[in-house]
Amino acid sequence: MILLGKKQKLIVAQKVDFGVYLAESMEAAAQEKVLLPGRQVPEGVQEGDEITAFIYRDSMDRLIATVHEPLIEFGQTAVLEVADTGRIGAFLNWGLEKDLLLPFREQTAQVEKGDKCLVALYEDKSHRLCATMKVYHYLETQSPYKAGDMVKGRIYETSKNFGVFVAVDDKYSALIPKSEAQGNYRINDILDLRVTRVKEDGKLNVSARKKAPQQLSEDAEKIFRVMESSGGSLPLDDKSDPAQIKARLGLSKAAFKRAVGHLMKEGKVTQQPGKISIKQDS
C-alpha cells in the first residue's frame, strides 16, 4: 500500500514521456501507481528499478511522488517557517514545491510570515496533508532526562485548567503545572526549564523557577526593581488578592510573601497595611 506523507521504496512500474509511475510491484493496477515527474527521475532509471520517494498531493489534489527531502513526515513533529498566510490559514515551508497548509483551526496562536512554529503532520478528512500546532499526541514520552536536569522547552499550548504545555527539545512531552505557571507565557517562547518530575508514562513536569534559595533571591530582586521603578513603593501586602499580585509581578502569593519577608529580613523594605515601601536608608 502506498502511504501518504511517508518516504518509501517503490518500483518503477512504467516509464512515460513525462516521468515514471511508481508502485509496490510491476503488476500493480493503474489506480495503485503514482507519478514521479520527469524532472525528478534519476538518469538511467529503468522499469523494475527501485526508487525511494515521498508521497503527497499536488495542487490538483492528485497523489504525486517526489525524491526531494521533506522537512517532516506523517505523524512527526518539526519546527517549520511560515512562508505566507491566507484566508484559510498559514502556509509552511516544508522543503517541497507546494507549501504545507496550517489551517486556522489548528493554530494555538496566530502566526505571521517569517514565524517559526512547532507542528505535526496529519491527514485531514479530505485526505490532504496538513499541519497542526496541537502537537500533544504526537510528542515522544520517553526522554533521556531525570528530575533536576536543566532543559530547553518550546511552549505550544496553554490551558487555564492544566498549565503550560511544552515540547522539550521540540520533541518530548512536558508540562509546567498550573501551580508552577507563574508569569506571562506566549506560544513559541523557548524557556530554560528544570525537570521536577518524570511521570510513570514518561512525560515530564518542568518548572521555569529555579531551586528554592536561588529563586527566592531572584523574586526578591524582581520586587525591589519594580518598587524602584514605581516611586519606591507598591500597593501590595500579604493580604492582597493573588490575582492582583500575579498581574503586577508575575508571582504567586506564596512566592511574593516569601520574597517580601526576605527583603524585610535584609532591612530593605517595610510593610504597612496595603503597601510595601523601600526603607529610606536602603
Protein backbone atom coordinates (compact mmCIF):
# COMPACT_ATOMS: atom_id res chain seq x y z
CA MET A 1 0.00 0.00 0.00
CA ILE A 2 1.37 3.41 -0.97
CA LEU A 3 1.46 5.59 2.15
CA LEU A 4 0.59 9.28 2.04
CA GLY A 5 3.09 11.51 3.83
CA LYS A 6 5.80 8.86 4.08
CA LYS A 7 9.08 8.13 2.35
CA GLN A 8 9.05 4.61 0.94
CA LYS A 9 10.86 2.37 -1.51
CA LEU A 10 8.81 1.81 -4.68
CA ILE A 11 9.39 0.12 -8.03
CA VAL A 12 9.42 1.86 -11.38
CA ALA A 13 6.37 0.13 -12.86
CA GLN A 14 6.06 2.17 -16.04
CA LYS A 15 8.07 4.75 -17.97
CA VAL A 16 6.23 7.54 -19.83
CA ASP A 17 7.30 10.70 -21.66
CA PHE A 18 6.55 12.92 -18.64
CA GLY A 19 8.09 10.76 -15.89
CA VAL A 20 7.71 7.33 -14.36
CA TYR A 21 4.91 5.64 -12.48
CA LEU A 22 5.90 4.10 -9.15
CA ALA A 23 4.14 1.20 -7.47
CA GLU A 24 4.69 -1.60 -4.97
CA SER A 25 5.01 -4.16 -7.75
CA MET A 26 5.20 -4.39 -11.51
CA GLU A 27 1.72 -5.94 -11.54
CA ALA A 28 0.03 -3.02 -9.73
CA ALA A 29 -3.22 -1.69 -11.18
CA ALA A 30 -3.35 1.83 -12.64
CA GLN A 31 -5.01 3.28 -9.51
CA GLU A 32 -2.18 1.84 -7.40
CA LYS A 33 0.51 3.79 -9.25
CA VAL A 34 1.79 7.29 -8.52
CA LEU A 35 3.67 9.64 -10.85
CA LEU A 36 7.22 10.81 -10.28
CA PRO A 37 7.58 13.82 -12.66
CA GLY A 38 10.26 13.58 -15.33
CA ARG A 39 12.44 16.40 -13.93
CA GLN A 40 12.96 14.33 -10.78
CA VAL A 41 13.60 10.95 -12.38
CA PRO A 42 17.24 9.88 -11.84
CA GLU A 43 19.21 9.49 -15.05
CA GLY A 44 19.33 5.98 -16.46
CA VAL A 45 16.40 4.62 -14.45
CA GLN A 46 14.70 1.57 -15.99
CA GLU A 47 11.44 -0.25 -15.31
CA GLY A 48 11.88 -2.57 -12.34
CA ASP A 49 14.38 -0.27 -10.62
CA GLU A 50 13.74 0.79 -7.02
CA ILE A 51 13.38 4.46 -6.00
CA THR A 52 12.88 5.99 -2.54
CA ALA A 53 10.20 8.66 -2.83
CA PHE A 54 7.93 10.78 -0.63
CA ILE A 55 4.20 10.74 -1.44
CA TYR A 56 1.96 13.80 -1.11
CA ARG A 57 -0.72 15.63 -3.13
CA ASP A 58 -0.15 18.22 -5.82
CA SER A 59 -2.14 21.45 -6.36
CA MET A 60 -4.85 19.38 -8.08
CA ASP A 61 -5.10 17.05 -5.06
CA ARG A 62 -3.62 14.17 -7.05
CA LEU A 63 -1.13 11.78 -5.44
CA ILE A 64 2.37 12.69 -6.57
CA ALA A 65 5.85 11.37 -5.75
CA THR A 66 9.00 13.38 -5.13
CA VAL A 67 12.61 12.46 -4.47
CA HIS A 68 13.09 15.76 -2.63
CA GLU A 69 13.55 15.50 1.12
CA PRO A 70 10.58 16.81 3.18
CA LEU A 71 11.30 18.53 6.49
CA ILE A 72 8.54 16.50 8.18
CA GLU A 73 6.73 13.20 7.63
CA PHE A 74 3.30 11.92 8.64
CA GLY A 75 2.96 11.66 12.43
CA GLN A 76 6.22 13.51 13.08
CA THR A 77 6.87 16.94 14.58
CA ALA A 78 9.19 19.65 13.26
CA VAL A 79 9.78 23.38 13.54
CA LEU A 80 8.76 24.95 10.22
CA GLU A 81 8.80 28.53 8.94
CA VAL A 82 5.68 30.36 7.82
CA ALA A 83 6.10 31.17 4.10
CA ASP A 84 2.83 33.09 3.80
CA THR A 85 -0.66 33.49 5.22
CA GLY A 86 -4.07 33.44 3.52
CA ARG A 87 -7.80 33.33 4.11
CA ILE A 88 -7.80 29.66 5.22
CA GLY A 89 -4.64 29.63 7.32
CA ALA A 90 -0.87 29.81 7.08
CA PHE A 91 1.41 28.10 4.57
CA LEU A 92 4.61 26.49 5.81
CA ASN A 93 7.86 25.78 4.03
CA TRP A 94 8.45 22.04 4.40
CA GLY A 95 11.09 21.59 1.71
CA LEU A 96 8.72 20.74 -1.17
CA GLU A 97 7.36 22.75 -4.11
CA LYS A 98 3.85 23.07 -2.69
CA ASP A 99 3.73 24.73 0.76
CA LEU A 100 2.04 22.93 3.65
CA LEU A 101 -1.27 24.29 4.94
CA LEU A 102 -1.64 25.11 8.64
CA PRO A 103 -5.40 25.77 8.96
CA PHE A 104 -6.60 28.48 11.33
CA ARG A 105 -8.44 25.85 13.41
CA GLU A 106 -5.15 24.03 14.00
CA GLN A 107 -3.29 27.11 15.27
CA THR A 108 -2.87 27.51 19.02
CA ALA A 109 -1.81 31.12 18.38
CA GLN A 110 -1.92 33.32 15.29
CA VAL A 111 1.24 33.10 13.19
CA GLU A 112 2.68 35.53 10.66
CA LYS A 113 5.04 35.28 7.71
CA GLY A 114 8.57 34.53 8.90
CA ASP A 115 7.45 32.97 12.21
CA LYS A 116 8.73 29.53 13.14
CA CYS A 117 6.35 27.14 14.86
CA LEU A 118 6.33 23.56 16.07
CA VAL A 119 3.84 21.46 14.13
CA ALA A 120 2.87 17.86 13.44
CA LEU A 121 1.85 16.44 10.06
CA TYR A 122 -1.56 14.78 9.80
CA GLU A 123 -4.14 13.78 7.17
CA ASP A 124 -7.41 15.72 7.22
CA LYS A 125 -10.91 14.43 6.42
CA SER A 126 -10.37 15.21 2.73
CA HIS A 127 -7.21 13.03 2.74
CA ARG A 128 -4.89 16.00 2.36
CA LEU A 129 -1.73 16.52 4.36
CA CYS A 130 -1.95 19.44 6.78
CA ALA A 131 -0.03 20.80 9.74
CA THR A 132 -1.28 21.29 13.30
CA MET A 133 0.18 23.19 16.24
CA LYS A 134 -1.81 20.90 18.56
CA VAL A 135 1.09 18.51 18.93
CA TYR A 136 0.31 16.94 22.34
CA HIS A 137 -0.50 13.48 20.94
CA TYR A 138 2.50 13.49 18.59
CA LEU A 139 5.27 14.16 21.12
CA GLU A 140 7.55 11.45 22.44
CA THR A 141 7.20 10.40 26.08
CA GLN A 142 10.49 8.60 26.74
CA SER A 143 13.08 11.33 27.16
CA PRO A 144 16.67 10.89 28.43
CA TYR A 145 16.06 13.38 31.26
CA LYS A 146 15.63 12.94 35.02
CA ALA A 147 14.45 15.18 37.86
CA GLY A 148 16.84 18.07 38.40
CA ASP A 149 18.08 18.24 34.80
CA MET A 150 18.01 21.59 33.01
CA VAL A 151 16.35 21.53 29.58
CA LYS A 152 15.04 23.86 26.88
CA GLY A 153 11.36 23.74 26.00
CA ARG A 154 9.09 25.42 23.47
CA ILE A 155 5.57 26.48 24.54
CA TYR A 156 2.97 25.14 22.11
CA GLU A 157 -0.28 25.49 24.06
CA THR A 158 -1.65 26.93 27.32
CA SER A 159 -4.54 25.78 29.49
CA LYS A 160 -6.28 27.52 32.39
CA ASN A 161 -7.01 24.11 33.90
CA PHE A 162 -3.69 22.31 33.48
CA GLY A 163 -0.91 24.86 32.94
CA VAL A 164 1.54 25.40 30.09
CA PHE A 165 2.26 22.63 27.57
CA VAL A 166 5.87 22.47 26.46
CA ALA A 167 7.87 20.43 23.94
CA VAL A 168 11.32 19.78 25.40
CA ASP A 169 13.93 19.76 22.62
CA ASP A 170 10.90 20.22 20.30
CA LYS A 171 10.10 16.51 20.69
CA TYR A 172 9.40 15.39 24.29
CA SER A 173 6.10 15.91 26.10
CA ALA A 174 6.27 18.19 29.14
CA LEU A 175 4.02 20.37 31.28
CA ILE A 176 4.53 23.38 33.51
CA PRO A 177 1.74 22.58 36.01
CA LYS A 178 -0.78 25.29 36.79
CA SER A 179 0.70 25.74 40.27
CA GLU A 180 4.13 26.43 38.72
CA ALA A 181 2.90 28.55 35.80
CA GLN A 182 3.76 31.97 37.16
CA GLY A 183 4.35 34.71 34.61
CA ASN A 184 3.20 35.60 31.13
CA TYR A 185 3.69 32.71 28.72
CA ARG A 186 3.38 33.00 24.94
CA ILE A 187 3.11 30.32 22.30
CA ASN A 188 6.51 29.58 20.66
CA ASP A 189 8.51 31.08 23.54
CA ILE A 190 11.58 28.96 24.30
CA LEU A 191 12.33 28.64 28.01
CA ASP A 192 15.13 27.35 30.20
CA LEU A 193 13.41 24.81 32.43
CA ARG A 194 14.16 22.44 35.29
CA VAL A 195 12.72 18.92 35.27
CA THR A 196 10.81 18.48 38.53
CA ARG A 197 9.28 15.06 37.88
CA VAL A 198 9.33 12.20 35.39
CA LYS A 199 5.85 10.66 35.48
CA GLU A 200 5.06 6.97 35.10
CA ASP A 201 4.04 7.45 31.46
CA GLY A 202 7.38 9.14 30.73
CA LYS A 203 6.01 12.66 30.38
CA LEU A 204 7.87 15.43 32.17
CA ASN A 205 6.79 18.02 34.69
CA VAL A 206 9.02 21.08 34.40
CA SER A 207 9.39 24.44 36.08
CA ALA A 208 10.70 27.79 34.90
CA ARG A 209 11.55 28.54 38.52
CA LYS A 210 14.99 27.84 39.98
CA LYS A 211 15.71 25.81 43.11
CA ALA A 212 14.30 27.46 46.22
CA PRO A 213 17.24 29.59 47.52
CA GLN A 214 18.13 30.94 44.07
CA GLN A 215 14.50 31.56 43.15
CA LEU A 216 13.85 33.40 46.42
CA SER A 217 16.76 35.73 45.70
CA GLU A 218 15.56 36.35 42.13
CA ASP A 219 11.96 37.02 43.25
CA ALA A 220 13.16 39.47 45.90
CA GLU A 221 15.36 41.28 43.39
CA LYS A 222 12.47 41.49 40.94
CA ILE A 223 10.12 43.01 43.53
CA PHE A 224 12.77 45.52 44.60
CA ARG A 225 13.38 46.62 40.97
CA VAL A 226 9.64 47.10 40.39
CA MET A 227 9.39 49.14 43.59
CA GLU A 228 12.29 51.34 42.47
CA SER A 229 10.63 51.99 39.11
CA SER A 230 7.30 52.72 40.85
CA GLY A 231 8.50 55.52 43.08
CA GLY A 232 9.72 53.35 45.96
CA SER A 233 6.53 51.51 46.91
CA LEU A 234 3.83 49.12 45.73
CA PRO A 235 0.15 48.94 46.78
CA LEU A 236 0.52 45.28 47.81
CA ASP A 237 0.88 43.40 51.05
CA ASP A 238 0.49 39.85 52.38
CA LYS A 239 -3.30 40.22 52.33
CA SER A 240 -3.51 41.34 48.69
CA ASP A 241 -5.53 39.32 46.19
CA PRO A 242 -3.39 36.63 44.48
CA ALA A 243 -4.62 37.71 41.02
CA GLN A 244 -3.52 41.28 41.72
CA ILE A 245 -0.06 40.11 42.79
CA LYS A 246 0.33 37.89 39.74
CA ALA A 247 -0.83 40.62 37.35
CA ARG A 248 1.64 43.14 38.80
CA LEU A 249 4.65 40.89 39.44
CA GLY A 250 4.03 37.55 37.74
CA LEU A 251 4.44 35.77 41.10
CA SER A 252 2.19 33.58 43.17
CA LYS A 253 1.04 34.99 46.51
CA ALA A 254 3.19 32.45 48.36
CA ALA A 255 6.31 33.43 46.38
CA PHE A 256 5.50 37.11 46.92
CA LYS A 257 5.19 36.67 50.70
CA ARG A 258 8.47 34.71 50.87
CA ALA A 259 10.33 37.34 48.83
CA VAL A 260 8.93 40.30 50.82
CA GLY A 261 9.83 38.50 54.04
CA HIS A 262 13.36 38.05 52.68
CA LEU A 263 13.61 41.77 51.83
CA MET A 264 12.29 42.77 55.26
CA LYS A 265 14.81 40.47 56.95
CA GLU A 266 17.58 42.19 54.98
CA GLY A 267 16.21 45.57 56.10
CA LYS A 268 15.46 46.75 52.58
CA VAL A 269 11.68 47.22 52.78
CA THR A 270 8.93 47.91 55.25
CA GLN A 271 5.33 46.74 55.11
CA GLN A 272 2.24 48.67 56.14
CA PRO A 273 -1.40 47.69 55.59
CA GLY A 274 -1.94 47.63 51.82
CA LYS A 275 1.59 48.78 50.99
CA ILE A 276 5.26 47.83 50.89
CA SER A 277 7.95 50.51 50.70
CA ILE A 278 11.71 50.75 50.29
CA LYS A 279 13.37 51.79 53.53
CA GLN A 280 14.76 55.30 53.15
CA ASP A 281 18.23 54.30 54.27
CA SER A 282 18.43 51.22 51.97
